[in-house]
Amino acid sequence: MPSVPPIPVELWDQMPPAAQAAVLALIQQYEQRLQALQQQVAQLSERLNQNSTNSSRPPSSDPPHVKRRPPAPATGRKRGGQPGHARQQRPLVPPEQIKQSIPVKPSACRKCGQALHGEDPYPRRHQIAEIPPVQAEVTEYRLHRLTCTACGTRTCAPLPAGVPAGAFGPRLQALLAILAGGYRLGKRPIQQLAHDLFGLSISTGMVAKLERSTADALQQPMAELQEYIRTQHANVDETSWREAGHKAWLWVVVTPLVTVFHIAATRCGKVAARLLGSAYRQVVTSDRWKAYNGLRRRQFCWSHLRRDFQAMIDRQNSGATIGKKLLGLSDRMFAWWHRVRDGTLNRTSFQVYISGLRAEVREALIQGAACGCPKTAATCRNLTANESKLWAFVWREGIEPTNNAAERALRHAVLWRKGSGGTDSQRGSRFVERVLSIRETCRQQGRGLLAYLVGCCQAHLEGQGAPPLLPKNGPQLGVA
């Protein structure tokens, strides 16, 4: 409370004590309100200045005034392969896969015009690939209905085993699923594409029905993938989704050879625990979202931490110096880590380097916890309390210091969500999460997505088990 308000002393001395007390109480009240409003303005200004460099906002949400990372300076070299670069050529199709081989011989010498005869034992091979006109093959089953001469009962022949009850086969069903989940096409574009490419007349309702059937065919391999990820180090992340007009969340768990997507109604820790299982003992690389606090072993994502350090700098207060120091220390760490990954620095030396850097980071965090900025101090206190979660990747093989693998896996799903607006039902969500999981897992393993989906749809039609998708070489700990 101020001893004397900012008014002339003569006027203040003429006021009765009761009036002086009232004025001082009123000044104190307004000073408190002013301080609260200043804090609110500071918080709103900080939110207004958030962008992809100092928060988890995507780059697409950055306002026009935010400067993107400048392009790398020109090297002065010509475009294309540089001297010493291995030449890359498209491999020729094997002779047994060639539809037609046409010999072409020169009739005369290109210099003197003399007629040429004979054979070249090693002719130059020039191959042309072309797509023939595609026409759907339609097979008609004529189901005879015959009347029993003994009792008069009319009996219709059943469809043979493995024949769909609907009008479309497993290969077409798998192809439509890929157009949706692999290329993010909506039902009307799929309908139009089926007509343009294959001459098929198919309704949007039938497209949706086939997607539900595909989701059913992928139930078994999806369950196997969900069980497998519980034995692996993983990158985990989540993004918003829409289901039946309500907000939902799309979760992803990425391991080296298997990826699983899951759509849930919430973003809470119960979902993470359900995905990874109560007995999960591996390391999860993630951001610092509280839903992952229940996991025993974690690696904080340093890409997210760098955004936090940049946010400290952008606040332009007493925590800015700490932010600059932490950002510089992270630059050193990543420079060493990139050398570890490309093989120019062994892990033992890297661990020695990190031991010294770790002490510098710890000291900077202690200083930041005592600075005058509440948000910077809170971030530094949290990181100090969870210091071991900053360095798990240093001591354990197969762990990355960033959550980039999960964010890259979510990118395709985010674009699908933006184009489709989400799903209209839980069954639609099951199709999305299963086809995304199978698509990404096939990509990781170098397998053909269409061939695998056809096998699943055919097996489901025949009442058999789906083709195996789990890695054959046993558990592969770590994230590529």
Protein backbone atom coordinates (compact mmCIF):
# COMPACT_ATOMS: atom_id res chain seq x y z
CA MET A 1 0.00 0.00 0.00
CA PRO A 2 1.46 3.39 -0.95
CA SER A 3 2.30 5.71 2.02
CA VAL A 4 1.16 8.85 0.23
CA PRO A 5 -0.95 8.89 -3.00
CA PRO A 6 0.30 10.95 -5.99
CA ILE A 7 -1.49 14.15 -5.00
CA PRO A 8 -0.09 17.39 -3.51
CA VAL A 9 1.10 16.91 0.10
CA GLU A 10 -0.76 20.04 1.27
CA LEU A 11 -4.06 18.65 -0.01
CA TRP A 12 -3.34 15.25 1.51
CA ASP A 13 -2.61 16.73 4.96
CA GLN A 14 -5.93 18.59 4.91
CA MET A 15 -7.91 15.36 4.47
CA PRO A 16 -9.38 13.65 7.55
CA PRO A 17 -7.77 10.28 8.47
CA ALA A 18 -10.90 8.40 7.47
CA ALA A 19 -10.83 9.97 4.01
CA GLN A 20 -7.12 9.19 3.67
CA ALA A 21 -7.76 5.52 4.51
CA ALA A 22 -10.61 5.37 2.00
CA VAL A 23 -8.45 6.87 -0.75
CA LEU A 24 -5.56 4.49 -0.01
CA ALA A 25 -7.90 1.47 -0.05
CA LEU A 26 -9.36 2.62 -3.35
CA ILE A 27 -5.88 3.09 -4.86
CA GLN A 28 -4.83 -0.36 -3.68
CA GLN A 29 -7.94 -1.90 -5.21
CA TYR A 30 -7.29 -0.27 -8.59
CA GLU A 31 -3.60 -1.21 -8.51
CA GLN A 32 -4.59 -4.84 -8.00
CA ARG A 33 -7.05 -4.65 -10.88
CA LEU A 34 -4.42 -2.98 -13.07
CA GLN A 35 -1.90 -5.74 -12.27
CA ALA A 36 -4.48 -8.44 -13.11
CA LEU A 37 -5.33 -6.72 -16.40
CA GLN A 38 -1.66 -6.39 -17.29
CA GLN A 39 -1.16 -10.12 -16.71
CA GLN A 40 -4.21 -10.87 -18.84
CA VAL A 41 -2.94 -8.64 -21.65
CA ALA A 42 0.46 -10.34 -21.47
CA GLN A 43 -1.15 -13.79 -21.71
CA LEU A 44 -3.35 -12.76 -24.64
CA SER A 45 -0.39 -11.16 -26.41
CA GLU A 46 1.61 -14.36 -25.96
CA ARG A 47 -1.25 -16.44 -27.41
CA LEU A 48 -1.57 -13.99 -30.29
CA ASN A 49 2.13 -14.36 -31.05
CA GLN A 50 2.08 -18.17 -31.07
CA ASN A 51 3.11 -19.84 -34.31
CA SER A 52 4.65 -23.10 -35.48
CA THR A 53 8.12 -22.10 -34.23
CA ASN A 54 7.18 -21.54 -30.58
CA SER A 55 4.13 -23.79 -30.06
CA SER A 56 2.45 -26.94 -31.32
CA ARG A 57 0.49 -25.06 -33.95
CA PRO A 58 0.89 -26.43 -37.50
CA PRO A 59 2.76 -24.31 -40.07
CA SER A 60 -0.47 -23.96 -42.06
CA SER A 61 -1.91 -21.82 -39.24
CA ASP A 62 0.94 -19.30 -39.30
CA PRO A 63 -0.17 -15.73 -40.12
CA PRO A 64 1.35 -13.98 -43.15
CA HIS A 65 3.82 -11.93 -41.10
CA VAL A 66 5.59 -15.00 -39.71
CA LYS A 67 8.80 -15.50 -41.63
CA ARG A 68 9.38 -19.02 -42.87
CA ARG A 69 12.80 -20.59 -42.67
CA PRO A 70 14.86 -19.05 -45.49
CA PRO A 71 15.94 -21.39 -48.27
CA ALA A 72 19.45 -22.72 -48.22
CA PRO A 73 21.89 -20.48 -50.10
CA ALA A 74 22.72 -21.50 -53.65
CA THR A 75 25.77 -23.72 -53.99
CA GLY A 76 26.57 -22.60 -57.53
CA ARG A 77 26.36 -26.15 -58.84
CA LYS A 78 24.16 -27.20 -61.72
CA ARG A 79 20.95 -29.09 -61.10
CA GLY A 80 20.87 -32.85 -61.23
CA GLY A 81 23.42 -35.48 -60.26
CA GLN A 82 26.80 -34.21 -59.19
CA PRO A 83 30.21 -35.69 -60.13
CA GLY A 84 30.64 -39.01 -58.39
CA HIS A 85 26.91 -39.56 -57.95
CA ALA A 86 25.85 -43.11 -58.82
CA ARG A 87 23.70 -43.14 -61.94
CA GLN A 88 20.10 -44.14 -61.35
CA GLN A 89 18.14 -45.90 -64.08
CA ARG A 90 14.76 -47.54 -64.15
CA PRO A 91 15.34 -51.31 -64.20
CA LEU A 92 14.26 -53.13 -67.36
CA VAL A 93 11.35 -55.54 -67.14
CA PRO A 94 12.50 -59.20 -67.28
CA PRO A 95 12.02 -60.93 -70.67
CA GLU A 96 9.40 -63.31 -69.28
CA GLN A 97 7.19 -60.35 -68.35
CA ILE A 98 7.34 -58.69 -71.76
CA LYS A 99 4.14 -58.97 -73.75
CA GLN A 100 5.76 -58.49 -77.17
CA SER A 101 9.36 -58.16 -78.40
CA ILE A 102 9.81 -56.42 -81.76
CA PRO A 103 13.24 -56.59 -83.46
CA VAL A 104 14.25 -53.39 -85.24
CA LYS A 105 17.26 -53.48 -87.61
CA PRO A 106 18.94 -50.69 -89.56
CA SER A 107 18.59 -51.15 -93.32
CA ALA A 108 21.69 -49.21 -94.37
CA CYS A 109 24.94 -47.88 -92.96
CA ARG A 110 24.42 -44.43 -91.49
CA LYS A 111 27.72 -43.25 -92.99
CA CYS A 112 28.06 -44.74 -96.52
CA GLY A 113 24.59 -46.13 -97.18
CA GLN A 114 25.75 -49.73 -97.72
CA ALA A 115 22.97 -52.30 -97.11
CA LEU A 116 23.26 -54.02 -93.73
CA HIS A 117 22.48 -57.67 -92.89
CA GLY A 118 22.92 -60.01 -89.96
CA GLU A 119 22.05 -60.15 -86.25
CA ASP A 120 23.22 -58.21 -83.21
CA PRO A 121 23.72 -60.74 -80.36
CA TYR A 122 23.29 -57.95 -77.78
CA PRO A 123 20.79 -55.44 -79.18
CA ARG A 124 19.98 -52.30 -77.28
CA ARG A 125 16.75 -52.83 -75.31
CA HIS A 126 14.18 -50.04 -75.40
CA GLN A 127 11.02 -50.78 -73.41
CA ILE A 128 7.69 -48.94 -73.53
CA ALA A 129 5.18 -49.36 -70.67
CA GLU A 130 1.54 -48.70 -71.44
CA ILE A 131 -1.75 -49.30 -69.68
CA PRO A 132 -4.30 -51.10 -71.85
CA PRO A 133 -7.96 -50.09 -71.71
CA VAL A 134 -9.34 -51.48 -68.44
CA GLN A 135 -12.69 -53.22 -68.55
CA ALA A 136 -14.16 -54.89 -65.51
CA GLU A 137 -14.69 -58.63 -65.88
CA VAL A 138 -18.26 -59.54 -64.98
CA THR A 139 -19.04 -63.14 -64.08
CA GLU A 140 -22.70 -64.14 -63.97
CA TYR A 141 -23.95 -66.95 -61.75
CA ARG A 142 -27.34 -68.28 -62.87
CA LEU A 143 -28.96 -69.73 -59.79
CA HIS A 144 -31.55 -72.27 -60.91
CA ARG A 145 -34.72 -72.74 -58.88
CA LEU A 146 -36.09 -76.24 -59.22
CA THR A 147 -39.29 -77.76 -57.92
CA CYS A 148 -39.25 -81.07 -56.08
CA THR A 149 -41.47 -83.66 -57.81
CA ALA A 150 -42.13 -85.39 -54.48
CA CYS A 151 -43.27 -82.56 -52.20
CA GLY A 152 -43.52 -79.59 -54.55
CA THR A 153 -40.94 -77.47 -52.65
CA ARG A 154 -39.09 -74.93 -54.79
CA THR A 155 -35.29 -74.83 -54.09
CA CYS A 156 -32.83 -72.22 -55.31
CA ALA A 157 -29.16 -73.16 -55.75
CA PRO A 158 -26.78 -71.39 -53.31
CA LEU A 159 -23.80 -69.39 -54.49
CA PRO A 160 -20.56 -71.39 -54.71
CA ALA A 161 -18.07 -71.04 -51.86
CA GLY A 162 -15.98 -67.88 -52.10
CA VAL A 163 -18.46 -65.99 -54.29
CA PRO A 164 -19.54 -62.62 -52.82
CA ALA A 165 -23.19 -62.15 -52.00
CA GLY A 166 -22.90 -58.61 -53.35
CA ALA A 167 -22.10 -57.39 -56.82
CA PHE A 168 -18.37 -56.68 -56.42
CA GLY A 169 -15.34 -58.91 -55.92
CA PRO A 170 -12.52 -58.70 -53.36
CA ARG A 171 -9.98 -57.06 -55.70
CA LEU A 172 -12.37 -54.24 -56.58
CA GLN A 173 -13.29 -53.91 -52.90
CA ALA A 174 -9.62 -53.61 -51.92
CA LEU A 175 -8.94 -51.10 -54.69
CA LEU A 176 -11.79 -48.86 -53.54
CA ALA A 177 -10.45 -49.05 -49.98
CA ILE A 178 -7.05 -47.86 -51.20
CA LEU A 179 -8.62 -44.97 -53.08
CA ALA A 180 -10.20 -43.87 -49.81
CA GLY A 181 -7.50 -44.62 -47.25
CA GLY A 182 -4.42 -44.40 -49.46
CA TYR A 183 -5.35 -41.46 -51.68
CA ARG A 184 -7.91 -39.70 -49.46
CA LEU A 185 -10.70 -39.69 -52.05
CA GLY A 186 -14.28 -39.11 -50.98
CA LYS A 187 -17.12 -41.40 -51.93
CA ARG A 188 -18.29 -39.34 -54.90
CA PRO A 189 -14.80 -39.08 -56.45
CA ILE A 190 -14.46 -42.86 -55.96
CA GLN A 191 -17.80 -43.36 -57.66
CA GLN A 192 -16.72 -41.19 -60.59
CA LEU A 193 -13.30 -42.81 -60.87
CA ALA A 194 -14.83 -46.32 -60.92
CA HIS A 195 -17.01 -45.19 -63.82
CA ASP A 196 -14.21 -43.43 -65.74
CA LEU A 197 -11.57 -46.15 -65.34
CA PHE A 198 -13.58 -49.36 -65.21
CA GLY A 199 -16.96 -48.45 -66.70
CA LEU A 200 -18.69 -49.48 -63.47
CA SER A 201 -21.91 -48.06 -62.10
CA ILE A 202 -21.61 -47.98 -58.32
CA SER A 203 -23.54 -45.92 -55.77
CA THR A 204 -21.99 -43.97 -52.92
CA GLY A 205 -23.97 -46.15 -50.52
CA MET A 206 -22.31 -49.24 -52.00
CA VAL A 207 -18.90 -47.58 -51.60
CA ALA A 208 -19.66 -47.09 -47.90
CA LYS A 209 -20.89 -50.69 -47.60
CA LEU A 210 -17.71 -52.03 -49.17
CA GLU A 211 -15.62 -49.92 -46.79
CA ARG A 212 -17.45 -51.46 -43.82
CA SER A 213 -16.83 -54.91 -45.26
CA THR A 214 -13.14 -54.09 -45.65
CA ALA A 215 -12.99 -52.95 -42.03
CA ASP A 216 -14.44 -56.31 -40.97
CA ALA A 217 -11.83 -58.11 -43.09
CA LEU A 218 -9.05 -56.17 -41.32
CA GLN A 219 -10.26 -56.88 -37.79
CA GLN A 220 -7.95 -59.85 -37.21
CA PRO A 221 -4.69 -58.30 -38.52
CA MET A 222 -5.54 -55.09 -36.67
CA ALA A 223 -5.84 -56.99 -33.39
CA GLU A 224 -2.46 -58.63 -34.05
CA LEU A 225 -0.83 -55.25 -34.71
CA GLN A 226 -2.31 -53.82 -31.52
CA GLU A 227 -0.85 -56.69 -29.52
CA TYR A 228 2.55 -56.38 -31.21
CA ILE A 229 3.10 -52.67 -30.46
CA ARG A 230 2.87 -53.42 -26.74
CA THR A 231 6.27 -55.11 -26.94
CA GLN A 232 8.10 -52.27 -28.73
CA HIS A 233 9.60 -48.86 -28.06
CA ALA A 234 7.15 -46.46 -29.69
CA ASN A 235 6.47 -42.91 -30.80
CA VAL A 236 2.99 -41.82 -29.74
CA ASP A 237 1.01 -38.76 -30.74
CA GLU A 238 -2.58 -37.66 -31.26
CA THR A 239 -4.51 -35.12 -33.33
CA SER A 240 -8.09 -33.93 -33.48
CA TRP A 241 -10.75 -35.79 -35.44
CA ARG A 242 -14.50 -35.51 -36.02
CA GLU A 243 -16.90 -38.42 -35.49
CA ALA A 244 -20.64 -38.01 -36.03
CA GLY A 245 -20.26 -34.24 -35.76
CA HIS A 246 -18.52 -34.40 -32.37
CA LYS A 247 -14.89 -33.80 -31.51
CA ALA A 248 -12.76 -36.92 -31.23
CA TRP A 249 -9.05 -37.75 -31.30
CA LEU A 250 -6.95 -39.81 -33.68
CA TRP A 251 -4.09 -41.52 -31.86
CA VAL A 252 -1.07 -43.14 -33.50
CA VAL A 253 1.56 -45.55 -32.16
CA VAL A 254 4.62 -45.92 -34.41
CA THR A 255 7.22 -48.71 -34.07
CA PRO A 256 9.90 -49.59 -36.63
CA LEU A 257 7.79 -52.10 -38.59
CA VAL A 258 4.24 -51.61 -37.34
CA THR A 259 1.99 -48.56 -36.95
CA VAL A 260 -1.43 -48.52 -35.28
CA PHE A 261 -4.05 -45.76 -35.50
CA HIS A 262 -6.97 -45.47 -33.10
CA ILE A 263 -9.90 -43.05 -32.95
CA ALA A 264 -11.14 -42.28 -29.42
CA ALA A 265 -13.61 -39.85 -27.93
CA THR A 266 -11.05 -38.34 -25.54
CA ARG A 267 -7.42 -37.32 -25.29
CA CYS A 268 -6.91 -38.62 -21.74
CA GLY A 269 -4.35 -41.01 -20.34
CA LYS A 270 -6.81 -43.91 -20.27
CA VAL A 271 -6.62 -44.09 -24.07
CA ALA A 272 -2.82 -44.27 -24.01
CA ALA A 273 -2.94 -46.95 -21.32
CA ARG A 274 -5.49 -48.95 -23.31
CA LEU A 275 -3.42 -48.73 -26.49
CA LEU A 276 -0.12 -49.76 -24.90
CA GLY A 277 -1.44 -52.09 -22.22
CA SER A 278 -1.05 -52.07 -18.45
CA ALA A 279 2.13 -54.19 -18.63
CA TYR A 280 3.94 -51.88 -21.05
CA ARG A 281 7.61 -51.53 -20.06
CA GLN A 282 9.20 -50.03 -23.18
CA VAL A 283 10.11 -46.38 -23.81
CA VAL A 284 7.55 -43.99 -25.31
CA THR A 285 8.77 -40.93 -27.18
CA SER A 286 6.16 -38.17 -26.99
CA ASP A 287 5.55 -34.55 -26.21
CA ARG A 288 4.90 -33.43 -22.62
CA TRP A 289 1.11 -33.82 -22.79
CA LYS A 290 -0.22 -34.98 -19.41
CA ALA A 291 -1.98 -38.01 -20.90
CA TYR A 292 1.42 -39.73 -21.04
CA ASN A 293 2.36 -39.04 -17.40
CA GLY A 294 1.17 -42.49 -16.36
CA LEU A 295 3.78 -44.20 -18.55
CA ARG A 296 6.85 -45.35 -16.64
CA ARG A 297 9.53 -44.86 -19.29
CA ARG A 298 9.44 -41.84 -21.56
CA GLN A 299 11.58 -39.75 -23.86
CA PHE A 300 10.53 -36.12 -24.22
CA CYS A 301 10.49 -34.89 -27.80
CA TRP A 302 13.30 -32.38 -28.31
CA SER A 303 11.55 -30.84 -31.32
CA HIS A 304 8.73 -29.81 -28.98
CA LEU A 305 11.26 -28.63 -26.41
CA ARG A 306 12.90 -26.38 -28.99
CA ARG A 307 9.52 -24.74 -29.60
CA ASP A 308 9.25 -24.18 -25.84
CA PHE A 309 12.71 -22.60 -25.80
CA GLN A 310 11.74 -20.37 -28.72
CA ALA A 311 8.60 -19.34 -26.84
CA MET A 312 10.80 -18.27 -23.92
CA ILE A 313 12.76 -16.05 -26.29
CA ASP A 314 9.66 -14.60 -27.96
CA ARG A 315 8.20 -13.48 -24.60
CA GLN A 316 11.04 -10.93 -24.47
CA ASN A 317 11.25 -10.88 -20.70
CA SER A 318 13.62 -12.15 -18.04
CA GLY A 319 13.39 -15.71 -19.39
CA ALA A 320 14.61 -14.84 -22.90
CA THR A 321 18.28 -15.35 -22.00
CA ILE A 322 17.53 -18.83 -20.65
CA GLY A 323 15.62 -19.69 -23.82
CA LYS A 324 18.56 -18.66 -26.01
CA LYS A 325 20.97 -20.72 -23.93
CA LEU A 326 18.78 -23.84 -23.99
CA LEU A 327 18.19 -23.49 -27.73
CA GLY A 328 21.94 -23.27 -28.33
CA LEU A 329 22.57 -26.36 -26.19
CA SER A 330 19.95 -28.29 -28.17
CA ASP A 331 21.73 -27.26 -31.40
CA ARG A 332 24.91 -28.88 -30.10
CA MET A 333 23.06 -32.03 -29.08
CA PHE A 334 21.42 -32.46 -32.50
CA ALA A 335 24.72 -31.86 -34.30
CA TRP A 336 26.25 -34.77 -32.39
CA TRP A 337 23.15 -36.94 -32.79
CA HIS A 338 23.12 -36.53 -36.56
CA ARG A 339 26.72 -37.72 -36.60
CA VAL A 340 25.72 -40.78 -34.56
CA ARG A 341 23.03 -41.60 -37.08
CA ASP A 342 25.26 -41.23 -40.13
CA GLY A 343 28.04 -43.28 -38.50
CA THR A 344 30.69 -40.57 -38.11
CA LEU A 345 30.44 -40.56 -34.28
CA ASN A 346 30.23 -43.71 -32.17
CA ARG A 347 27.69 -43.94 -29.36
CA THR A 348 30.31 -44.20 -26.60
CA SER A 349 31.83 -40.85 -27.56
CA PHE A 350 28.35 -39.39 -27.92
CA GLN A 351 27.52 -40.45 -24.37
CA VAL A 352 30.69 -38.76 -23.10
CA TYR A 353 29.80 -35.53 -24.91
CA ILE A 354 26.24 -35.62 -23.60
CA SER A 355 27.42 -36.02 -20.00
CA GLY A 356 29.01 -32.57 -20.15
CA LEU A 357 26.11 -31.04 -22.06
CA ARG A 358 23.63 -32.51 -19.60
CA ALA A 359 25.24 -30.59 -16.76
CA GLU A 360 24.96 -27.35 -18.76
CA VAL A 361 21.28 -28.01 -19.50
CA ARG A 362 20.61 -28.76 -15.83
CA GLU A 363 22.27 -25.51 -14.75
CA ALA A 364 20.27 -23.51 -17.33
CA LEU A 365 17.02 -25.09 -16.14
CA ILE A 366 17.82 -24.24 -12.52
CA GLN A 367 18.46 -20.64 -13.53
CA GLY A 368 15.24 -20.58 -15.56
CA ALA A 369 13.22 -21.90 -12.63
CA ALA A 370 14.32 -18.83 -10.64
CA CYS A 371 13.64 -16.25 -13.36
CA GLY A 372 10.86 -13.71 -13.14
CA CYS A 373 8.72 -15.14 -15.96
CA PRO A 374 6.09 -17.52 -14.49
CA LYS A 375 5.68 -19.61 -17.66
CA THR A 376 9.39 -19.98 -18.30
CA ALA A 377 9.95 -20.86 -14.65
CA ALA A 378 7.17 -23.45 -14.72
CA THR A 379 8.59 -25.09 -17.86
CA CYS A 380 12.08 -25.22 -16.36
CA ARG A 381 10.80 -26.69 -13.09
CA ASN A 382 8.90 -29.37 -14.99
CA LEU A 383 11.94 -30.31 -17.07
CA THR A 384 14.16 -30.37 -13.98
CA ALA A 385 11.76 -32.73 -12.22
CA ASN A 386 11.71 -34.99 -15.31
CA GLU A 387 15.36 -34.65 -16.29
CA SER A 388 15.85 -38.38 -16.96
CA LYS A 389 13.14 -38.20 -19.66
CA LEU A 390 15.32 -35.82 -21.65
CA TRP A 391 18.14 -38.31 -22.15
CA ALA A 392 16.68 -41.82 -22.54
CA PHE A 393 17.72 -41.88 -26.21
CA VAL A 394 21.38 -41.47 -25.22
CA TRP A 395 21.57 -44.71 -23.26
CA ARG A 396 19.05 -46.94 -25.06
CA GLU A 397 19.46 -48.20 -28.61
CA GLY A 398 16.59 -47.67 -31.04
CA ILE A 399 15.14 -44.50 -29.48
CA GLU A 400 14.98 -41.18 -31.28
CA PRO A 401 15.16 -37.81 -29.46
CA THR A 402 12.13 -36.53 -31.38
CA ASN A 403 8.56 -37.58 -31.99
CA ASN A 404 8.85 -36.86 -35.71
CA ALA A 405 7.98 -40.42 -36.75
CA ALA A 406 4.52 -40.12 -35.19
CA GLU A 407 3.96 -36.63 -36.58
CA ARG A 408 4.89 -37.80 -40.09
CA ALA A 409 2.49 -40.74 -39.78
CA LEU A 410 -0.32 -38.38 -38.74
CA ARG A 411 0.25 -36.03 -41.67
CA HIS A 412 -1.61 -38.23 -44.15
CA ALA A 413 -4.52 -38.66 -41.74
CA VAL A 414 -4.73 -34.91 -41.08
CA LEU A 415 -5.03 -34.21 -44.81
CA TRP A 416 -7.74 -36.86 -45.05
CA ARG A 417 -9.62 -35.26 -42.16
CA LYS A 418 -9.41 -31.81 -43.75
CA GLY A 419 -10.85 -33.15 -46.99
CA SER A 420 -13.53 -35.40 -45.52
CA GLY A 421 -14.45 -33.62 -42.31
CA GLY A 422 -14.03 -36.83 -40.32
CA THR A 423 -16.35 -39.83 -40.05
CA ASP A 424 -20.11 -40.11 -39.58
CA SER A 425 -20.18 -43.17 -37.33
CA GLN A 426 -18.12 -45.53 -35.20
CA ARG A 427 -18.10 -48.06 -38.05
CA GLY A 428 -16.67 -45.41 -40.32
CA SER A 429 -14.00 -44.69 -37.72
CA ARG A 430 -13.10 -48.39 -37.58
CA PHE A 431 -12.50 -48.36 -41.35
CA VAL A 432 -10.32 -45.25 -41.09
CA GLU A 433 -8.12 -46.48 -38.27
CA ARG A 434 -7.72 -49.97 -39.75
CA VAL A 435 -6.97 -48.97 -43.33
CA LEU A 436 -4.54 -46.30 -42.10
CA SER A 437 -2.79 -48.83 -39.87
CA ILE A 438 -2.49 -51.41 -42.66
CA ARG A 439 -1.37 -48.76 -45.18
CA GLU A 440 1.43 -47.40 -42.98
CA THR A 441 2.56 -50.85 -41.82
CA CYS A 442 2.79 -52.12 -45.40
CA ARG A 443 4.82 -49.04 -46.31
CA GLN A 444 7.21 -49.64 -43.41
CA GLN A 445 7.71 -53.28 -44.39
CA GLY A 446 7.98 -52.60 -48.14
CA ARG A 447 4.90 -54.69 -48.89
CA GLY A 448 2.32 -54.09 -51.59
CA LEU A 449 -0.80 -52.59 -50.06
CA LEU A 450 -3.19 -53.70 -52.82
CA ALA A 451 -1.97 -57.30 -52.77
CA TYR A 452 -2.33 -57.48 -48.99
CA LEU A 453 -5.81 -55.95 -48.94
CA VAL A 454 -6.96 -58.30 -51.70
CA GLY A 455 -5.70 -61.23 -49.63
CA CYS A 456 -7.58 -59.99 -46.56
CA CYS A 457 -10.84 -59.43 -48.45
CA GLN A 458 -10.60 -62.83 -50.15
CA ALA A 459 -9.82 -64.61 -46.87
CA HIS A 460 -12.74 -62.89 -45.14
CA LEU A 461 -15.03 -63.90 -47.98
CA GLU A 462 -13.95 -67.52 -47.65
CA GLY A 463 -14.11 -67.54 -43.85
CA GLN A 464 -10.34 -67.98 -43.46
CA GLY A 465 -7.68 -66.13 -41.48
CA ALA A 466 -6.12 -62.99 -42.94
CA PRO A 467 -2.55 -63.11 -44.33
CA PRO A 468 0.08 -62.46 -41.63
CA LEU A 469 1.41 -58.93 -41.35
CA LEU A 470 3.58 -59.12 -38.24
CA PRO A 471 7.36 -58.97 -38.77
CA LYS A 472 8.82 -62.45 -39.28
CA ASN A 473 12.13 -61.74 -37.55
CA GLY A 474 10.68 -61.23 -34.09
CA PRO A 475 10.53 -58.01 -32.04
CA GLN A 476 12.46 -55.06 -33.41
CA LEU A 477 12.88 -52.58 -30.59
CA GLY A 478 13.17 -48.93 -31.49
CA VAL A 479 11.70 -46.48 -33.97
CA ALA A 480 13.23 -45.97 -37.40
